[in-house]
Amino acid sequence: MPGTILQVSISFGGLPKRAIPEGWITPLGVEGDRHAHPEIHGGLRKAILLISSEVVEELTARGYPLFYGAMGENLTTRGLAVRDLRIGDRVRAGGALLEITQPRGPCTALDIYGESLKQEIYDQGVHALDHTSPRWGMSGFYASVVEPGPVGPGDLVAVVSQWA
């Protein structure tokens, strides 16, 4: 079932990322986006970070002072079943085609929202790529860019092929 892109975000490096009215996804990510630690974030296999709005809202309800873009995501989605995403799945996001490459491993930059946040969104199961972990999908997913293209709020986001 397709979802929707609620927000496209970039930054000049670090957290949070700020909303832009529309973007162009290149092989290295959303045009204009920078990374404070390019040796850790970004690159061909981590060009785009997707996080679901449902996760952000769940964490906000638990008391974390989050908002769309706060966790460093480029694409905030609604309705995309992140618990069902698997490494290798291909996702159409607006006019771009992405391939899920790995769960996002949370870094210490997230501590500004509460030191326990990392444990809420990531565990050993996620680290081991175990999709049965109760935290699977909560930290977001990195994706590589198969086909560059435009992206904006309101665009559809949908899994178009699943890794078998």
Protein backbone atom coordinates (compact mmCIF):
# COMPACT_ATOMS: atom_id res chain seq x y z
CA MET A 1 0.00 0.00 0.00
CA PRO A 2 1.51 3.35 -0.97
CA GLY A 3 2.22 6.13 1.44
CA THR A 4 2.89 9.82 1.08
CA ILE A 5 5.94 12.00 1.54
CA LEU A 6 5.09 14.56 4.21
CA GLN A 7 8.38 16.42 4.28
CA VAL A 8 11.64 16.67 2.33
CA SER A 9 14.51 17.91 4.51
CA ILE A 10 18.12 19.01 4.16
CA SER A 11 20.75 20.63 6.37
CA PHE A 12 24.12 22.29 6.08
CA GLY A 13 25.45 19.45 8.26
CA GLY A 14 24.11 17.79 11.39
CA LEU A 15 20.73 17.85 13.08
CA PRO A 16 18.04 18.88 12.61
CA LYS A 17 17.30 18.97 8.91
CA ARG A 18 14.92 21.68 7.72
CA ALA A 19 11.96 21.35 5.38
CA ILE A 20 12.27 22.43 1.78
CA PRO A 21 9.35 22.89 -0.62
CA GLU A 22 10.70 20.30 -3.09
CA GLY A 23 13.95 18.55 -3.82
CA TRP A 24 15.95 16.70 -6.42
CA ILE A 25 17.32 13.31 -5.39
CA THR A 26 20.79 12.72 -6.86
CA PRO A 27 22.98 9.61 -6.51
CA LEU A 28 24.48 11.22 -3.38
CA GLY A 29 21.21 12.37 -1.81
CA VAL A 30 18.91 15.37 -1.85
CA GLU A 31 20.56 18.23 -3.70
CA GLY A 32 21.88 20.78 -1.17
CA ASP A 33 22.02 18.33 1.76
CA ARG A 34 25.30 18.17 3.70
CA HIS A 35 26.61 15.90 6.44
CA ALA A 36 28.56 16.93 9.54
CA HIS A 37 30.40 13.58 9.45
CA PRO A 38 30.58 12.43 5.81
CA GLU A 39 32.76 9.48 6.82
CA ILE A 40 29.71 8.10 8.69
CA HIS A 41 26.66 9.53 6.90
CA GLY A 42 25.94 9.98 3.23
CA GLY A 43 27.66 8.40 0.27
CA LEU A 44 26.22 6.10 -2.35
CA ARG A 45 24.81 3.49 0.08
CA LYS A 46 23.45 6.04 2.58
CA ALA A 47 22.29 8.73 0.17
CA ILE A 48 18.78 9.08 1.62
CA LEU A 49 17.42 8.54 5.13
CA LEU A 50 13.71 7.71 5.37
CA ILE A 51 11.80 7.87 8.65
CA SER A 52 8.06 7.44 9.13
CA SER A 53 5.96 10.19 10.63
CA GLU A 54 4.18 7.51 12.65
CA VAL A 55 7.46 6.71 14.44
CA VAL A 56 8.16 10.41 15.09
CA GLU A 57 4.64 10.84 16.48
CA GLU A 58 4.91 7.71 18.66
CA LEU A 59 8.19 8.94 20.13
CA THR A 60 6.77 12.43 20.67
CA ALA A 61 3.85 10.86 22.57
CA ARG A 62 6.45 9.15 24.78
CA GLY A 63 7.88 12.57 25.66
CA TYR A 64 10.73 13.04 23.20
CA PRO A 65 10.88 16.61 21.79
CA LEU A 66 10.93 15.51 18.15
CA PHE A 67 9.53 16.99 14.95
CA TYR A 68 9.82 16.07 11.28
CA GLY A 69 13.48 16.44 10.29
CA ALA A 70 14.74 16.27 13.89
CA MET A 71 16.24 12.81 13.49
CA GLY A 72 18.13 13.81 10.35
CA GLU A 73 15.81 12.24 7.82
CA ASN A 74 15.63 13.44 4.25
CA LEU A 75 12.18 11.99 3.66
CA THR A 76 9.47 11.87 6.31
CA THR A 77 6.78 9.45 5.15
CA ARG A 78 3.23 8.60 6.20
CA GLY A 79 1.52 5.33 5.45
CA LEU A 80 4.62 3.46 4.28
CA ALA A 81 4.74 0.25 6.34
CA VAL A 82 8.32 0.56 7.59
CA ARG A 83 7.99 -2.62 9.68
CA ASP A 84 7.58 -4.49 6.39
CA LEU A 85 10.62 -2.96 4.66
CA ARG A 86 13.58 -5.24 4.05
CA ILE A 87 17.11 -4.65 2.88
CA GLY A 88 17.09 -4.71 -0.93
CA ASP A 89 13.50 -3.51 -1.31
CA ARG A 90 13.04 -0.85 -3.96
CA VAL A 91 10.93 2.17 -3.13
CA ARG A 92 9.52 4.78 -5.50
CA ALA A 93 9.70 8.19 -3.80
CA GLY A 94 8.21 10.84 -6.04
CA GLY A 95 10.17 10.64 -9.28
CA ALA A 96 13.14 8.79 -7.75
CA LEU A 97 13.73 5.09 -7.27
CA LEU A 98 15.53 4.09 -4.07
CA GLU A 99 16.90 0.81 -2.74
CA ILE A 100 16.88 0.14 1.00
CA THR A 101 20.48 -0.60 2.05
CA GLN A 102 20.49 -0.72 5.87
CA PRO A 103 18.74 0.41 9.03
CA ARG A 104 20.06 3.65 10.40
CA GLY A 105 22.34 3.11 13.39
CA PRO A 106 21.58 5.98 15.77
CA CYS A 107 24.49 8.23 16.69
CA THR A 108 25.20 10.38 19.73
CA ALA A 109 23.83 13.47 17.94
CA LEU A 110 20.36 12.15 18.85
CA ASP A 111 21.22 12.53 22.56
CA ILE A 112 20.01 16.14 22.37
CA TYR A 113 16.48 14.70 22.34
CA GLY A 114 17.13 12.41 25.31
CA GLU A 115 19.87 9.86 25.93
CA SER A 116 17.36 7.00 26.03
CA LEU A 117 16.08 7.72 22.51
CA LYS A 118 18.71 5.48 20.90
CA GLN A 119 17.47 2.49 22.93
CA GLU A 120 13.87 3.25 21.96
CA ILE A 121 14.61 3.03 18.23
CA TYR A 122 17.46 0.53 17.87
CA ASP A 123 18.55 -2.74 19.46
CA GLN A 124 20.78 -5.74 18.79
CA GLY A 125 18.06 -7.31 16.66
CA VAL A 126 18.00 -4.32 14.30
CA HIS A 127 21.81 -4.35 14.26
CA ALA A 128 21.67 -8.02 13.23
CA LEU A 129 19.10 -7.16 10.51
CA ASP A 130 16.40 -9.13 12.31
CA HIS A 131 13.11 -7.76 11.01
CA THR A 132 11.26 -9.41 13.92
CA SER A 133 12.81 -6.92 16.36
CA PRO A 134 10.14 -4.72 17.96
CA ARG A 135 12.33 -1.74 16.99
CA TRP A 136 12.67 -2.67 13.30
CA GLY A 137 12.03 0.43 11.20
CA MET A 138 12.01 2.87 14.12
CA SER A 139 15.51 4.23 13.49
CA GLY A 140 14.76 4.74 9.81
CA PHE A 141 16.38 3.26 6.73
CA TYR A 142 19.20 4.39 4.53
CA ALA A 143 18.72 4.01 0.80
CA SER A 144 20.84 4.21 -2.31
CA VAL A 145 19.54 5.98 -5.40
CA VAL A 146 18.77 3.71 -8.36
CA GLU A 147 17.12 6.49 -10.41
CA PRO A 148 17.48 10.19 -9.53
CA GLY A 149 14.39 12.37 -9.69
CA PRO A 150 12.23 15.08 -8.17
CA VAL A 151 10.54 14.68 -4.81
CA GLY A 152 8.19 16.82 -2.79
CA PRO A 153 5.53 16.79 -0.08
CA GLY A 154 2.41 15.01 -1.26
CA ASP A 155 4.30 12.69 -3.61
CA LEU A 156 3.61 9.00 -3.35
CA VAL A 157 6.11 6.67 -1.71
CA ALA A 158 5.66 2.94 -2.31
CA VAL A 159 7.52 -0.34 -2.38
CA VAL A 160 7.75 -1.35 -6.03
CA SER A 161 9.81 -4.52 -5.63
CA GLN A 162 10.72 -6.63 -2.65
CA TRP A 163 13.90 -8.53 -2.03
CA ALA A 164 12.97 -12.19 -1.95
